[in-house]
Protein backbone atom coordinates (compact mmCIF):
# COMPACT_ATOMS: atom_id res chain seq x y z
CA UNK A 1 23.27 14.34 12.66
CA UNK A 2 21.08 12.34 14.63
CA UNK A 3 17.72 11.23 14.30
CA UNK A 4 16.57 13.69 17.26
CA UNK A 5 18.39 16.09 14.80
CA UNK A 6 16.29 14.92 11.86
CA UNK A 7 13.14 15.03 13.65
CA UNK A 8 13.83 18.21 15.15
CA UNK A 9 14.91 19.52 11.57
CA UNK A 10 11.22 18.20 10.01
CA UNK A 11 9.43 19.76 12.96
CA UNK A 12 10.72 22.97 12.24
CA UNK A 13 10.39 22.52 8.03
CA UNK A 14 14.55 23.52 8.41
CA UNK A 15 16.54 22.12 5.86
CA UNK A 16 19.21 19.68 6.37
CA UNK A 17 22.37 20.94 5.71
CA UNK A 18 24.38 20.26 2.31
CA UNK A 19 26.87 17.77 4.19
CA UNK A 20 23.72 15.34 4.38
CA UNK A 21 23.36 12.12 2.55
CA UNK A 22 21.11 12.25 -0.27
CA UNK A 23 18.40 9.66 1.16
CA UNK A 24 18.29 11.41 4.39
CA UNK A 25 17.28 14.57 2.61
CA UNK A 26 15.42 12.57 0.42
CA UNK A 27 13.54 11.77 3.66
CA UNK A 28 13.12 15.01 5.25
CA UNK A 29 11.28 15.83 1.89
CA UNK A 30 8.99 12.94 2.99
CA UNK A 31 8.74 13.86 6.32
CA UNK A 32 7.66 17.75 5.52
CA UNK A 33 4.96 16.62 2.72
CA UNK A 34 6.95 16.60 -0.40
CA UNK A 35 6.34 13.05 -1.79
CA UNK A 36 7.22 13.85 -5.05
CA UNK A 37 10.94 15.74 -3.95
CA UNK A 38 11.66 12.83 -1.86
CA UNK A 39 10.92 9.99 -4.83
CA UNK A 40 12.83 12.74 -7.61
CA UNK A 41 15.60 12.45 -4.82
CA UNK A 42 15.62 8.83 -4.34
CA UNK A 43 14.87 7.02 -7.30
CA UNK A 44 17.76 7.15 -9.13
CA UNK A 45 20.18 6.18 -6.46
CA UNK A 46 21.06 2.68 -7.12
CA UNK A 47 21.76 0.98 -3.75
CA UNK A 48 20.02 -1.63 -1.87
CA UNK A 49 19.21 1.61 0.78
CA UNK A 50 17.94 4.09 -2.24
CA UNK A 51 15.43 0.60 -3.51
CA UNK A 52 14.61 0.18 0.53
CA UNK A 53 13.60 4.53 0.27
CA UNK A 54 11.68 3.91 -2.86
CA UNK A 55 9.95 0.75 -1.34
CA UNK A 56 8.81 3.39 1.70
CA UNK A 57 7.73 5.91 -0.89
CA UNK A 58 5.67 3.82 -2.72
CA UNK A 59 4.22 1.97 -0.13
CA UNK A 60 3.02 5.42 1.59
CA UNK A 61 1.75 6.09 -2.04
CA UNK A 62 -0.39 2.91 -1.90
CA UNK A 63 1.44 1.54 -4.78
CA UNK A 64 2.08 -2.02 -3.00
CA UNK A 65 2.78 -3.96 -5.35
CA UNK A 66 5.85 -1.48 -6.46
CA UNK A 67 6.53 -1.22 -3.68
CA UNK A 68 7.21 -4.79 -2.87
CA UNK A 69 9.32 -4.84 -5.78
CA UNK A 70 11.60 -2.33 -4.39
CA UNK A 71 11.74 -4.39 -1.44
CA UNK A 72 12.42 -7.27 -3.19
CA UNK A 73 15.69 -5.14 -4.76
CA UNK A 74 16.41 -3.93 -1.37
CA UNK A 75 16.47 -7.24 -0.04
CA UNK A 76 14.24 -6.48 2.72
CA UNK A 77 10.85 -8.08 3.81
CA UNK A 78 7.57 -5.77 2.86
CA UNK A 79 6.54 -3.53 6.16
CA UNK A 80 3.63 -3.56 7.29
CA UNK A 81 3.46 -0.81 10.40
CA UNK A 82 3.48 2.51 10.48
CA UNK A 83 4.37 4.84 7.66
CA UNK A 84 5.80 7.14 10.12
CA UNK A 85 7.93 4.30 12.36
CA UNK A 86 9.30 3.02 8.75
CA UNK A 87 10.22 6.17 8.01
CA UNK A 88 12.45 6.35 11.51
CA UNK A 89 13.87 3.60 11.11
CA UNK A 90 15.29 3.51 7.73
CA UNK A 91 16.42 7.23 8.94
CA UNK A 92 18.11 5.94 11.93
CA UNK A 93 19.81 3.09 9.59
CA UNK A 94 21.16 5.86 7.32
CA UNK A 95 22.59 7.75 10.33
CA UNK A 96 23.80 4.78 11.81
CA UNK A 97 22.03 5.06 14.99
CA UNK A 98 18.47 3.12 16.93
CA UNK A 99 15.13 4.27 16.02
């Protein structure tokens, strides 16, 4: 899967194939307006990437203090740019491609 494939699936609201990473699926849920579904999928993934997705989700929610905690756990600086740009950056990193 590529970032373009992900974006096309979001635009069409077409679920991702089952073989996609759980964090990519979580971000698909977020991108299609299902923040709760995204959060429930991401919150139990104990990795730096899981913490990064969790940070993004809490930033989107508006819980900046909690987001900063998760950015620290992810070893990443707190994002300040557009949320859609951050989501694309995360998806690209998870897929091993450029945003």
